[in-house]
Each structure stands twice: as C-alpha cells, then as structure tokens.
C-alpha cells in the first residue's frame, strides 16, 4: 500500500516541474515533449532509490545468484519489455497531460494508472488467471473494473468541463 501511495508522488514532478519544462522549451524542446526533461530528473532519482533498495535486499538475502540460473532468460526479457512499456506509457502520459489543458496532470495520471490496472486485469482474464476463482471473487473483480471505468468517465468529463472552462 505504501508503494502505491508513494508512486503517485512521481506525478508531483510533472505538476511542479513547470520551471524545468519552460527552460526545456527555451532551449528548443517541443512544448508537447518538454515534460521529458522533468521525467529525466524524476526517474533518475526514482530508479536510484529502487535499485539501491533492491541491491540491499539481494545482499541481505544472498540471492543474487538466483538471477543467473538457467531458465531465467525469459524473465529478463519480460522485465525489460515491461520496463520499456511502462517508461513509454509515462512519456505518452506526459504528452497527453499537456494536451488535456489546465488539469491534465491531475486528471491524466489517475486515468493512466486506471488504464494500467484495467490492462493488467484484461490480460490476466485472457491468460486464464481468473478461470479457477469463485463466483464471488469474479463478481468483486467485475465490480472493481466497473468502478474504474466509471472513474475514467467521471475524470474525463470533469476535465472536459472544468479543465477547458478557463482556457
């Protein structure tokens, strides 16, 4: 839960990184892509903390050699693919948030996170992860997915109505 809450802090970089974005534009960056200057700083620090903590745990549990065992190549490839898709998603989010107007950074980030959750659930469903669950569990999943879809609709409407009102 703590990781989920703290992950939202990444968005504060975009929300409060206006000076960095403006400076990037003054130096010739395309305004739609200037948020990448913020992401470069935010994620350098973010990755540094994550890598340091992982290395600490690897050392503490003496489990470094498990990453080099036979049969782990697919996991390395899947991890690289997931990291690339996630980083690409953040770049696309930055582009979209700029185009969404005044509240883009506030509305776009939850929509991006919800879309990630929905995508993961859909892939899990089509992969058969939900085949053996109870009916009650399936109903909870459908209710949760429905709530997330409703949240996207409400956030999109709010941004359309309120975000453009002052532009």
Protein backbone atom coordinates (compact mmCIF):
# COMPACT_ATOMS: atom_id res chain seq x y z
CA UNK A 1 0.00 0.00 0.00
CA UNK A 2 2.85 2.35 0.83
CA UNK A 3 4.40 1.79 -2.61
CA UNK A 4 1.05 2.55 -4.25
CA UNK A 5 0.64 5.77 -2.32
CA UNK A 6 4.22 6.88 -2.86
CA UNK A 7 4.11 6.08 -6.58
CA UNK A 8 1.65 8.93 -7.01
CA UNK A 9 4.40 11.29 -5.85
CA UNK A 10 6.09 10.76 -9.21
CA UNK A 11 3.34 12.89 -10.72
CA UNK A 12 4.31 15.80 -8.48
CA UNK A 13 7.37 16.12 -10.69
CA UNK A 14 5.13 16.98 -13.62
CA UNK A 15 2.74 19.10 -11.55
CA UNK A 16 5.52 21.20 -10.03
CA UNK A 17 8.10 20.88 -12.80
CA UNK A 18 6.85 23.83 -14.80
CA UNK A 19 10.09 25.75 -14.47
CA UNK A 20 12.08 22.80 -15.84
CA UNK A 21 9.58 22.36 -18.68
CA UNK A 22 9.71 26.08 -19.52
CA UNK A 23 13.50 26.01 -19.52
CA UNK A 24 13.48 22.99 -21.86
CA UNK A 25 11.20 24.90 -24.26
CA UNK A 26 13.51 27.96 -24.12
CA UNK A 27 16.37 25.64 -25.08
CA UNK A 28 14.43 24.44 -28.13
CA UNK A 29 12.39 21.45 -26.94
CA UNK A 30 8.99 20.88 -28.49
CA UNK A 31 6.45 22.12 -25.89
CA UNK A 32 4.50 18.85 -26.16
CA UNK A 33 7.63 16.88 -25.27
CA UNK A 34 9.22 19.24 -22.76
CA UNK A 35 7.84 17.15 -19.89
CA UNK A 36 10.51 14.58 -20.75
CA UNK A 37 13.05 16.92 -19.13
CA UNK A 38 11.10 16.56 -15.88
CA UNK A 39 10.84 12.79 -16.28
CA UNK A 40 14.59 12.51 -16.80
CA UNK A 41 15.20 14.08 -13.39
CA UNK A 42 12.33 12.40 -11.55
CA UNK A 43 13.09 8.91 -12.76
CA UNK A 44 16.83 9.15 -12.30
CA UNK A 45 16.15 9.70 -8.59
CA UNK A 46 13.27 7.24 -8.52
CA UNK A 47 15.28 4.47 -10.16
CA UNK A 48 18.25 5.21 -7.92
CA UNK A 49 16.16 4.62 -4.80
CA UNK A 50 14.58 1.46 -6.23
CA UNK A 51 17.85 -0.02 -7.43
CA UNK A 52 19.56 0.74 -4.12
CA UNK A 53 16.81 -0.95 -2.15
CA UNK A 54 16.83 -3.99 -4.45
CA UNK A 55 20.60 -4.32 -4.14
CA UNK A 56 20.29 -4.09 -0.36
CA UNK A 57 17.72 -6.89 -0.33
CA UNK A 58 19.77 -9.02 -2.71
CA UNK A 59 22.78 -8.68 -0.46
CA UNK A 60 20.81 -9.24 2.74
CA UNK A 61 19.15 -12.41 1.41
CA UNK A 62 22.22 -13.54 -0.57
CA UNK A 63 20.01 -14.20 -3.56
CA UNK A 64 21.96 -12.54 -6.36
CA UNK A 65 22.89 -15.86 -7.97
CA UNK A 66 19.22 -16.76 -8.47
CA UNK A 67 19.08 -14.18 -11.26
CA UNK A 68 21.73 -16.05 -13.23
CA UNK A 69 20.23 -19.54 -13.00
CA UNK A 70 19.38 -21.45 -16.18
CA UNK A 71 15.91 -20.66 -17.47
CA UNK A 72 15.83 -17.07 -16.29
CA UNK A 73 16.45 -15.52 -19.71
CA UNK A 74 12.69 -15.20 -20.38
CA UNK A 75 12.25 -13.34 -17.09
CA UNK A 76 14.99 -10.88 -18.00
CA UNK A 77 13.37 -10.30 -21.39
CA UNK A 78 9.89 -9.90 -19.84
CA UNK A 79 11.25 -7.46 -17.24
CA UNK A 80 12.97 -5.38 -19.94
CA UNK A 81 9.78 -5.37 -22.02
CA UNK A 82 7.62 -4.36 -19.05
CA UNK A 83 10.05 -1.59 -18.11
CA UNK A 84 10.12 -0.27 -21.66
CA UNK A 85 6.35 -0.32 -22.00
CA UNK A 86 5.97 1.40 -18.62
CA UNK A 87 8.51 4.11 -19.50
CA UNK A 88 6.83 4.59 -22.87
CA UNK A 89 3.50 4.91 -21.10
CA UNK A 90 4.90 7.67 -18.89
CA UNK A 91 6.15 9.56 -21.96
CA UNK A 92 2.75 9.20 -23.64
CA UNK A 93 1.08 10.32 -20.41
CA UNK A 94 3.29 13.45 -20.37
CA UNK A 95 2.29 14.23 -23.96
CA UNK A 96 -1.38 13.69 -23.17
CA UNK A 97 -1.35 15.64 -19.92
CA UNK A 98 -0.03 18.72 -21.74
CA UNK A 99 -2.80 18.46 -24.32
CA UNK A 100 -5.51 17.94 -21.66
CA UNK A 101 -5.16 21.50 -20.50
CA UNK A 102 -5.12 23.02 -17.06
CA UNK A 103 -5.99 19.87 -15.11
CA UNK A 104 -4.18 17.41 -17.37
CA UNK A 105 -1.58 16.42 -14.78
CA UNK A 106 -4.25 15.92 -12.12
CA UNK A 107 -6.74 14.04 -14.27
CA UNK A 108 -4.37 12.26 -16.66
CA UNK A 109 -2.31 10.48 -14.01
CA UNK A 110 -5.23 8.66 -12.38
CA UNK A 111 -6.55 7.77 -15.84
CA UNK A 112 -3.13 6.37 -16.77
CA UNK A 113 -2.98 4.30 -13.57
CA UNK A 114 -6.53 3.04 -14.02
CA UNK A 115 -5.76 2.10 -17.62
CA UNK A 116 -2.72 0.15 -16.42
CA UNK A 117 -4.84 -1.74 -13.88
CA UNK A 118 -7.54 -2.47 -16.46
CA UNK A 119 -4.96 -3.68 -18.97
CA UNK A 120 -3.40 -5.98 -16.38
CA UNK A 121 -6.80 -7.39 -15.42
CA UNK A 122 -7.78 -7.91 -19.06
CA UNK A 123 -4.51 -9.71 -19.82
CA UNK A 124 -4.96 -11.81 -16.70
CA UNK A 125 -8.51 -12.70 -17.71
CA UNK A 126 -7.50 -13.70 -21.24
CA UNK A 127 -4.49 -15.62 -19.87
CA UNK A 128 -6.78 -17.73 -17.73
CA UNK A 129 -5.77 -16.32 -14.35
CA UNK A 130 -9.43 -15.87 -13.43
CA UNK A 131 -10.63 -19.32 -14.57
CA UNK A 132 -10.47 -21.01 -11.16
CA UNK A 133 -11.76 -18.24 -8.93
CA UNK A 134 -15.06 -18.39 -7.10
CA UNK A 135 -18.14 -16.67 -8.40
CA UNK A 136 -17.93 -14.17 -5.53
CA UNK A 137 -14.34 -13.27 -6.44
CA UNK A 138 -15.31 -12.82 -10.10
CA UNK A 139 -18.18 -10.52 -9.04
CA UNK A 140 -15.80 -8.42 -6.95
CA UNK A 141 -13.43 -8.15 -9.94
CA UNK A 142 -16.27 -7.09 -12.26
CA UNK A 143 -17.46 -4.54 -9.69
CA UNK A 144 -13.92 -3.17 -9.31
CA UNK A 145 -13.37 -2.94 -13.05
CA UNK A 146 -16.76 -1.25 -13.46
CA UNK A 147 -15.84 1.27 -10.78
CA UNK A 148 -12.54 2.01 -12.52
CA UNK A 149 -14.28 2.51 -15.88
CA UNK A 150 -16.79 4.84 -14.20
CA UNK A 151 -13.89 6.77 -12.64
CA UNK A 152 -12.31 7.28 -16.06
CA UNK A 153 -15.60 8.60 -17.41
CA UNK A 154 -16.06 10.98 -14.45
CA UNK A 155 -12.47 12.23 -14.63
CA UNK A 156 -12.68 12.72 -18.39
CA UNK A 157 -15.95 14.62 -18.09
CA UNK A 158 -14.57 16.76 -15.27
CA UNK A 159 -11.50 17.67 -17.29
CA UNK A 160 -13.60 18.39 -20.36
CA UNK A 161 -15.98 20.60 -18.40
CA UNK A 162 -13.73 22.26 -15.82
CA UNK A 163 -10.32 21.99 -17.47
CA UNK A 164 -11.36 23.91 -20.55
CA UNK A 165 -13.54 26.45 -18.73
CA UNK A 166 -10.63 28.78 -18.01
CA UNK A 167 -8.64 28.26 -21.18
